């Protein structure tokens, strides 16, 4: 993590904790209704970490005339403020839950609507069965991605716990995922 990124993180945490208050208007042009960014006008180190001027994008770009990050010297993370040495843990599993719950809820609504539309239509039922096979293939893709994560691969035990199945069943069923079928590839019945 660079000094710049660390300083931005400290400002974000200070705003969340109520130590810093983001104003309604830009401190450069007094425009309201704009998204404001904290500009470190005195640098990123020492006592200046929380010393920011709140600027709209237009004023912030004027402060960096040679383009974004052109004048910024990137240095490695070195905590130099007492009590703020909370660097990220390198072996902590990334939690990539960005919008997954909303996406899953959306997919459930689509599946419920599809089941209502199928009704007594046999062709629709065939399409629904093909969709089930696609979902199974997507689960196999997700398991392969979790197992092949370059940072911290998931264990079969962790995956089995999420799937609600015994570890031996999960490892035997999904151990070939990512072999003949690469993550993101099409299932064989769709090729």
C-alpha atoms as a PDB file:
ATOM      1  CA  UNK A   1       0.000   0.000   0.000  1.00  0.00           C
ATOM      2  CA  UNK A   2       1.382   3.406  -0.912  1.00  0.00           C
ATOM      3  CA  UNK A   3       1.531   6.402   1.405  1.00  0.00           C
ATOM      4  CA  UNK A   4      -1.114   8.083  -0.749  1.00  0.00           C
ATOM      5  CA  UNK A   5      -3.497   5.124  -0.526  1.00  0.00           C
ATOM      6  CA  UNK A   6      -2.917   4.855   3.211  1.00  0.00           C
ATOM      7  CA  UNK A   7      -3.643   8.565   3.690  1.00  0.00           C
ATOM      8  CA  UNK A   8      -6.885   8.265   1.692  1.00  0.00           C
ATOM      9  CA  UNK A   9      -7.873   5.266   3.821  1.00  0.00           C
ATOM     10  CA  UNK A  10      -7.254   7.257   7.014  1.00  0.00           C
ATOM     11  CA  UNK A  11      -9.441  10.119   5.730  1.00  0.00           C
ATOM     12  CA  UNK A  12     -12.203   7.661   4.836  1.00  0.00           C
ATOM     13  CA  UNK A  13     -12.044   6.096   8.303  1.00  0.00           C
ATOM     14  CA  UNK A  14     -12.027   9.524   9.957  1.00  0.00           C
ATOM     15  CA  UNK A  15     -15.182  10.505   8.039  1.00  0.00           C
ATOM     16  CA  UNK A  16     -16.877   7.241   9.039  1.00  0.00           C
ATOM     17  CA  UNK A  17     -15.903   7.766  12.683  1.00  0.00           C
ATOM     18  CA  UNK A  18     -17.120  11.377  12.651  1.00  0.00           C
ATOM     19  CA  UNK A  19     -13.646  12.854  13.239  1.00  0.00           C
ATOM     20  CA  UNK A  20     -13.814  14.638   9.871  1.00  0.00           C
ATOM     21  CA  UNK A  21     -17.028  16.055   8.458  1.00  0.00           C
ATOM     22  CA  UNK A  22     -17.524  16.260   4.707  1.00  0.00           C
ATOM     23  CA  UNK A  23     -19.119  19.663   3.949  1.00  0.00           C
ATOM     24  CA  UNK A  24     -22.058  20.186   1.615  1.00  0.00           C
ATOM     25  CA  UNK A  25     -20.235  22.665  -0.647  1.00  0.00           C
ATOM     26  CA  UNK A  26     -16.878  22.604  -2.413  1.00  0.00           C
ATOM     27  CA  UNK A  27     -14.283  24.642  -0.522  1.00  0.00           C
ATOM     28  CA  UNK A  28     -12.823  25.863  -3.821  1.00  0.00           C
ATOM     29  CA  UNK A  29     -15.895  27.158  -5.676  1.00  0.00           C
ATOM     30  CA  UNK A  30     -18.776  26.810  -3.176  1.00  0.00           C
ATOM     31  CA  UNK A  31     -20.794  24.593  -5.534  1.00  0.00           C
ATOM     32  CA  UNK A  32     -23.257  22.273  -3.831  1.00  0.00           C
ATOM     33  CA  UNK A  33     -24.651  18.963  -4.985  1.00  0.00           C
ATOM     34  CA  UNK A  34     -21.243  17.733  -6.133  1.00  0.00           C
ATOM     35  CA  UNK A  35     -19.323  14.688  -4.951  1.00  0.00           C
ATOM     36  CA  UNK A  36     -16.453  16.030  -2.872  1.00  0.00           C
ATOM     37  CA  UNK A  37     -12.987  14.519  -2.500  1.00  0.00           C
ATOM     38  CA  UNK A  38     -10.554  15.242   0.307  1.00  0.00           C
ATOM     39  CA  UNK A  39      -7.486  16.871  -1.273  1.00  0.00           C
ATOM     40  CA  UNK A  40      -4.260  16.527   0.754  1.00  0.00           C
ATOM     41  CA  UNK A  41      -2.986  20.024  -0.057  1.00  0.00           C
ATOM     42  CA  UNK A  42      -0.031  19.771   2.380  1.00  0.00           C
ATOM     43  CA  UNK A  43       1.064  16.233   1.541  1.00  0.00           C
ATOM     44  CA  UNK A  44       0.301  12.748   2.778  1.00  0.00           C
ATOM     45  CA  UNK A  45       2.634  12.292   5.724  1.00  0.00           C
ATOM     46  CA  UNK A  46       2.777  13.005   9.427  1.00  0.00           C
ATOM     47  CA  UNK A  47       0.344  15.505  10.862  1.00  0.00           C
ATOM     48  CA  UNK A  48      -1.051  16.273   7.379  1.00  0.00           C
ATOM     49  CA  UNK A  49      -2.822  12.949   6.915  1.00  0.00           C
ATOM     50  CA  UNK A  50      -6.165  14.355   8.037  1.00  0.00           C
ATOM     51  CA  UNK A  51      -5.458  17.881   6.785  1.00  0.00           C
ATOM     52  CA  UNK A  52      -7.648  17.953   3.670  1.00  0.00           C
ATOM     53  CA  UNK A  53      -9.556  20.500   1.640  1.00  0.00           C
ATOM     54  CA  UNK A  54     -12.903  19.237   0.310  1.00  0.00           C
ATOM     55  CA  UNK A  55     -13.057  19.872  -3.448  1.00  0.00           C
ATOM     56  CA  UNK A  56     -15.403  19.016  -6.304  1.00  0.00           C
ATOM     57  CA  UNK A  57     -13.908  17.135  -9.252  1.00  0.00           C
ATOM     58  CA  UNK A  58     -13.378  20.332 -11.280  1.00  0.00           C
ATOM     59  CA  UNK A  59     -11.438  22.086  -8.495  1.00  0.00           C
ATOM     60  CA  UNK A  60      -9.569  18.889  -7.605  1.00  0.00           C
ATOM     61  CA  UNK A  61      -8.443  18.487 -11.223  1.00  0.00           C
ATOM     62  CA  UNK A  62      -7.238  22.091 -11.196  1.00  0.00           C
ATOM     63  CA  UNK A  63      -5.028  21.223  -8.219  1.00  0.00           C
ATOM     64  CA  UNK A  64      -3.362  18.496 -10.331  1.00  0.00           C
ATOM     65  CA  UNK A  65      -2.793  20.309 -13.655  1.00  0.00           C
ATOM     66  CA  UNK A  66      -0.564  17.655 -15.216  1.00  0.00           C
ATOM     67  CA  UNK A  67      -3.204  14.948 -14.945  1.00  0.00           C
ATOM     68  CA  UNK A  68      -4.281  12.479 -12.348  1.00  0.00           C
ATOM     69  CA  UNK A  69      -1.461  11.273 -10.109  1.00  0.00           C
ATOM     70  CA  UNK A  70       1.191  12.887 -12.321  1.00  0.00           C
ATOM     71  CA  UNK A  71       2.838  14.828  -9.512  1.00  0.00           C
ATOM     72  CA  UNK A  72       2.305  12.164  -6.878  1.00  0.00           C
ATOM     73  CA  UNK A  73       5.386  10.240  -5.870  1.00  0.00           C
ATOM     74  CA  UNK A  74       4.362   6.708  -4.909  1.00  0.00           C
ATOM     75  CA  UNK A  75       6.265   5.320  -1.940  1.00  0.00           C
ATOM     76  CA  UNK A  76       5.818   2.121   0.034  1.00  0.00           C
ATOM     77  CA  UNK A  77       3.557   2.133   3.079  1.00  0.00           C
ATOM     78  CA  UNK A  78       5.378   3.320   6.205  1.00  0.00           C
ATOM     79  CA  UNK A  79       3.110   4.124   9.148  1.00  0.00           C
ATOM     80  CA  UNK A  80       4.492   7.241  10.831  1.00  0.00           C
ATOM     81  CA  UNK A  81       1.468   8.440  12.780  1.00  0.00           C
ATOM     82  CA  UNK A  82       1.118   6.988  16.288  1.00  0.00           C
ATOM     83  CA  UNK A  83      -1.926   4.802  16.734  1.00  0.00           C
ATOM     84  CA  UNK A  84      -2.665   4.392  13.015  1.00  0.00           C
ATOM     85  CA  UNK A  85      -0.362   1.517  12.109  1.00  0.00           C
ATOM     86  CA  UNK A  86      -3.163  -0.791  10.988  1.00  0.00           C
ATOM     87  CA  UNK A  87      -1.705  -2.031   7.715  1.00  0.00           C
ATOM     88  CA  UNK A  88      -3.762  -4.740   5.959  1.00  0.00           C
ATOM     89  CA  UNK A  89      -2.973  -8.321   6.920  1.00  0.00           C
ATOM     90  CA  UNK A  90      -1.336 -10.011   3.914  1.00  0.00           C
ATOM     91  CA  UNK A  91      -2.826 -13.485   4.483  1.00  0.00           C
ATOM     92  CA  UNK A  92      -6.386 -12.417   5.237  1.00  0.00           C
ATOM     93  CA  UNK A  93      -8.881 -13.883   2.777  1.00  0.00           C
ATOM     94  CA  UNK A  94     -10.379 -11.243   0.544  1.00  0.00           C
ATOM     95  CA  UNK A  95     -14.112 -10.976   1.014  1.00  0.00           C
ATOM     96  CA  UNK A  96     -15.367 -10.257  -2.478  1.00  0.00           C
ATOM     97  CA  UNK A  97     -19.025  -9.771  -1.642  1.00  0.00           C
ATOM     98  CA  UNK A  98     -19.638  -6.715  -3.754  1.00  0.00           C
ATOM     99  CA  UNK A  99     -23.208  -7.111  -4.903  1.00  0.00           C
ATOM    100  CA  UNK A 100     -23.643 -10.857  -4.663  1.00  0.00           C
ATOM    101  CA  UNK A 101     -26.693 -10.888  -2.324  1.00  0.00           C
ATOM    102  CA  UNK A 102     -28.619  -8.467  -4.551  1.00  0.00           C
ATOM    103  CA  UNK A 103     -27.613 -10.427  -7.641  1.00  0.00           C
ATOM    104  CA  UNK A 104     -28.732 -13.729  -6.090  1.00  0.00           C
ATOM    105  CA  UNK A 105     -32.068 -12.217  -5.057  1.00  0.00           C
ATOM    106  CA  UNK A 106     -32.534 -10.963  -8.624  1.00  0.00           C
ATOM    107  CA  UNK A 107     -31.741 -14.446 -10.014  1.00  0.00           C
ATOM    108  CA  UNK A 108     -34.263 -16.025  -7.618  1.00  0.00           C
ATOM    109  CA  UNK A 109     -36.982 -13.639  -8.807  1.00  0.00           C
ATOM    110  CA  UNK A 110     -36.196 -14.532 -12.419  1.00  0.00           C
ATOM    111  CA  UNK A 111     -36.358 -18.270 -11.670  1.00  0.00           C
ATOM    112  CA  UNK A 112     -39.700 -17.905  -9.869  1.00  0.00           C
ATOM    113  CA  UNK A 113     -41.111 -15.925 -12.782  1.00  0.00           C
ATOM    114  CA  UNK A 114     -39.801 -18.537 -15.212  1.00  0.00           C
ATOM    115  CA  UNK A 115     -41.435 -21.371 -13.270  1.00  0.00           C
ATOM    116  CA  UNK A 116     -44.782 -19.531 -13.398  1.00  0.00           C
ATOM    117  CA  UNK A 117     -44.442 -19.024 -17.161  1.00  0.00           C
ATOM    118  CA  UNK A 118     -43.522 -22.645 -17.859  1.00  0.00           C
ATOM    119  CA  UNK A 119     -46.841 -23.884 -16.462  1.00  0.00           C
ATOM    120  CA  UNK A 120     -47.936 -26.826 -18.623  1.00  0.00           C
ATOM    121  CA  UNK A 121     -45.564 -26.091 -21.507  1.00  0.00           C
ATOM    122  CA  UNK A 122     -43.246 -29.064 -22.091  1.00  0.00           C
ATOM    123  CA  UNK A 123     -40.798 -27.052 -24.173  1.00  0.00           C
ATOM    124  CA  UNK A 124     -40.535 -24.556 -21.339  1.00  0.00           C
ATOM    125  CA  UNK A 125     -39.869 -27.417 -18.943  1.00  0.00           C
ATOM    126  CA  UNK A 126     -37.005 -28.598 -21.201  1.00  0.00           C
ATOM    127  CA  UNK A 127     -35.543 -25.096 -21.114  1.00  0.00           C
ATOM    128  CA  UNK A 128     -35.828 -25.056 -17.320  1.00  0.00           C
ATOM    129  CA  UNK A 129     -33.948 -28.383 -17.083  1.00  0.00           C
ATOM    130  CA  UNK A 130     -31.217 -26.998 -19.369  1.00  0.00           C
ATOM    131  CA  UNK A 131     -31.004 -23.987 -17.068  1.00  0.00           C
ATOM    132  CA  UNK A 132     -30.537 -26.316 -14.091  1.00  0.00           C
ATOM    133  CA  UNK A 133     -27.565 -27.890 -15.889  1.00  0.00           C
ATOM    134  CA  UNK A 134     -26.150 -24.417 -16.507  1.00  0.00           C
ATOM    135  CA  UNK A 135     -26.484 -23.550 -12.801  1.00  0.00           C
ATOM    136  CA  UNK A 136     -24.657 -26.782 -11.897  1.00  0.00           C
ATOM    137  CA  UNK A 137     -21.878 -25.830 -14.304  1.00  0.00           C
ATOM    138  CA  UNK A 138     -21.720 -22.337 -12.808  1.00  0.00           C
ATOM    139  CA  UNK A 139     -21.334 -23.817  -9.318  1.00  0.00           C
ATOM    140  CA  UNK A 140     -18.485 -25.979 -10.646  1.00  0.00           C
ATOM    141  CA  UNK A 141     -16.860 -22.830 -12.080  1.00  0.00           C
ATOM    142  CA  UNK A 142     -17.172 -21.030  -8.738  1.00  0.00           C
ATOM    143  CA  UNK A 143     -15.641 -23.992  -6.876  1.00  0.00           C
ATOM    144  CA  UNK A 144     -12.747 -24.150  -9.364  1.00  0.00           C
ATOM    145  CA  UNK A 145     -12.111 -20.419  -8.942  1.00  0.00           C
ATOM    146  CA  UNK A 146     -12.145 -20.727  -5.151  1.00  0.00           C
ATOM    147  CA  UNK A 147      -9.769 -23.706  -5.237  1.00  0.00           C
ATOM    148  CA  UNK A 148      -7.387 -21.981  -7.693  1.00  0.00           C
ATOM    149  CA  UNK A 149      -7.342 -18.582  -5.956  1.00  0.00           C
ATOM    150  CA  UNK A 150      -3.703 -17.446  -6.202  1.00  0.00           C
ATOM    151  CA  UNK A 151      -3.808 -15.560  -2.884  1.00  0.00           C
ATOM    152  CA  UNK A 152      -5.517 -18.012  -0.556  1.00  0.00           C
ATOM    153  CA  UNK A 153      -7.198 -21.053  -2.121  1.00  0.00           C
ATOM    154  CA  UNK A 154     -10.289 -22.326  -0.321  1.00  0.00           C
ATOM    155  CA  UNK A 155     -10.091 -25.768   1.254  1.00  0.00           C
ATOM    156  CA  UNK A 156     -12.483 -28.585   0.398  1.00  0.00           C
ATOM    157  CA  UNK A 157     -13.768 -28.372   3.981  1.00  0.00           C
ATOM    158  CA  UNK A 158     -14.693 -24.692   3.611  1.00  0.00           C
ATOM    159  CA  UNK A 159     -16.424 -25.323   0.281  1.00  0.00           C
ATOM    160  CA  UNK A 160     -18.264 -28.370   1.677  1.00  0.00           C
ATOM    161  CA  UNK A 161     -19.528 -26.292   4.608  1.00  0.00           C
ATOM    162  CA  UNK A 162     -20.956 -23.654   2.252  1.00  0.00           C
ATOM    163  CA  UNK A 163     -22.555 -26.271  -0.027  1.00  0.00           C
ATOM    164  CA  UNK A 164     -23.966 -28.210   2.941  1.00  0.00           C
ATOM    165  CA  UNK A 165     -22.487 -31.493   1.744  1.00  0.00           C
ATOM    166  CA  UNK A 166     -19.813 -33.831   3.116  1.00  0.00           C
ATOM    167  CA  UNK A 167     -16.228 -32.941   2.219  1.00  0.00           C
ATOM    168  CA  UNK A 168     -15.639 -36.251   0.429  1.00  0.00           C
ATOM    169  CA  UNK A 169     -18.703 -35.735  -1.774  1.00  0.00           C
ATOM    170  CA  UNK A 170     -17.697 -32.201  -2.676  1.00  0.00           C
ATOM    171  CA  UNK A 171     -14.071 -33.081  -3.451  1.00  0.00           C
ATOM    172  CA  UNK A 172     -14.999 -36.073  -5.613  1.00  0.00           C
ATOM    173  CA  UNK A 173     -17.730 -34.159  -7.477  1.00  0.00           C
ATOM    174  CA  UNK A 174     -15.794 -30.948  -8.122  1.00  0.00           C
ATOM    175  CA  UNK A 175     -12.153 -32.064  -8.196  1.00  0.00           C
ATOM    176  CA  UNK A 176     -12.297 -32.359 -11.983  1.00  0.00           C
ATOM    177  CA  UNK A 177     -13.789 -28.874 -12.337  1.00  0.00           C
ATOM    178  CA  UNK A 178     -11.263 -26.698 -14.028  1.00  0.00           C
ATOM    179  CA  UNK A 179      -9.652 -29.704 -15.731  1.00  0.00           C
ATOM    180  CA  UNK A 180     -11.634 -30.460 -18.875  1.00  0.00           C
ATOM    181  CA  UNK A 181     -13.878 -27.482 -18.190  1.00  0.00           C
ATOM    182  CA  UNK A 182     -11.970 -24.293 -17.519  1.00  0.00           C
ATOM    183  CA  UNK A 183     -13.523 -21.719 -15.185  1.00  0.00           C
ATOM    184  CA  UNK A 184     -15.753 -19.521 -17.292  1.00  0.00           C
ATOM    185  CA  UNK A 185     -15.905 -22.028 -20.138  1.00  0.00           C
ATOM    186  CA  UNK A 186     -19.086 -23.445 -21.581  1.00  0.00           C
ATOM    187  CA  UNK A 187     -20.450 -26.787 -20.364  1.00  0.00           C
ATOM    188  CA  UNK A 188     -19.974 -29.580 -22.870  1.00  0.00           C
ATOM    189  CA  UNK A 189     -23.702 -29.805 -23.687  1.00  0.00           C
ATOM    190  CA  UNK A 190     -23.658 -26.148 -24.862  1.00  0.00           C
ATOM    191  CA  UNK A 191     -20.638 -26.406 -27.177  1.00  0.00           C
END
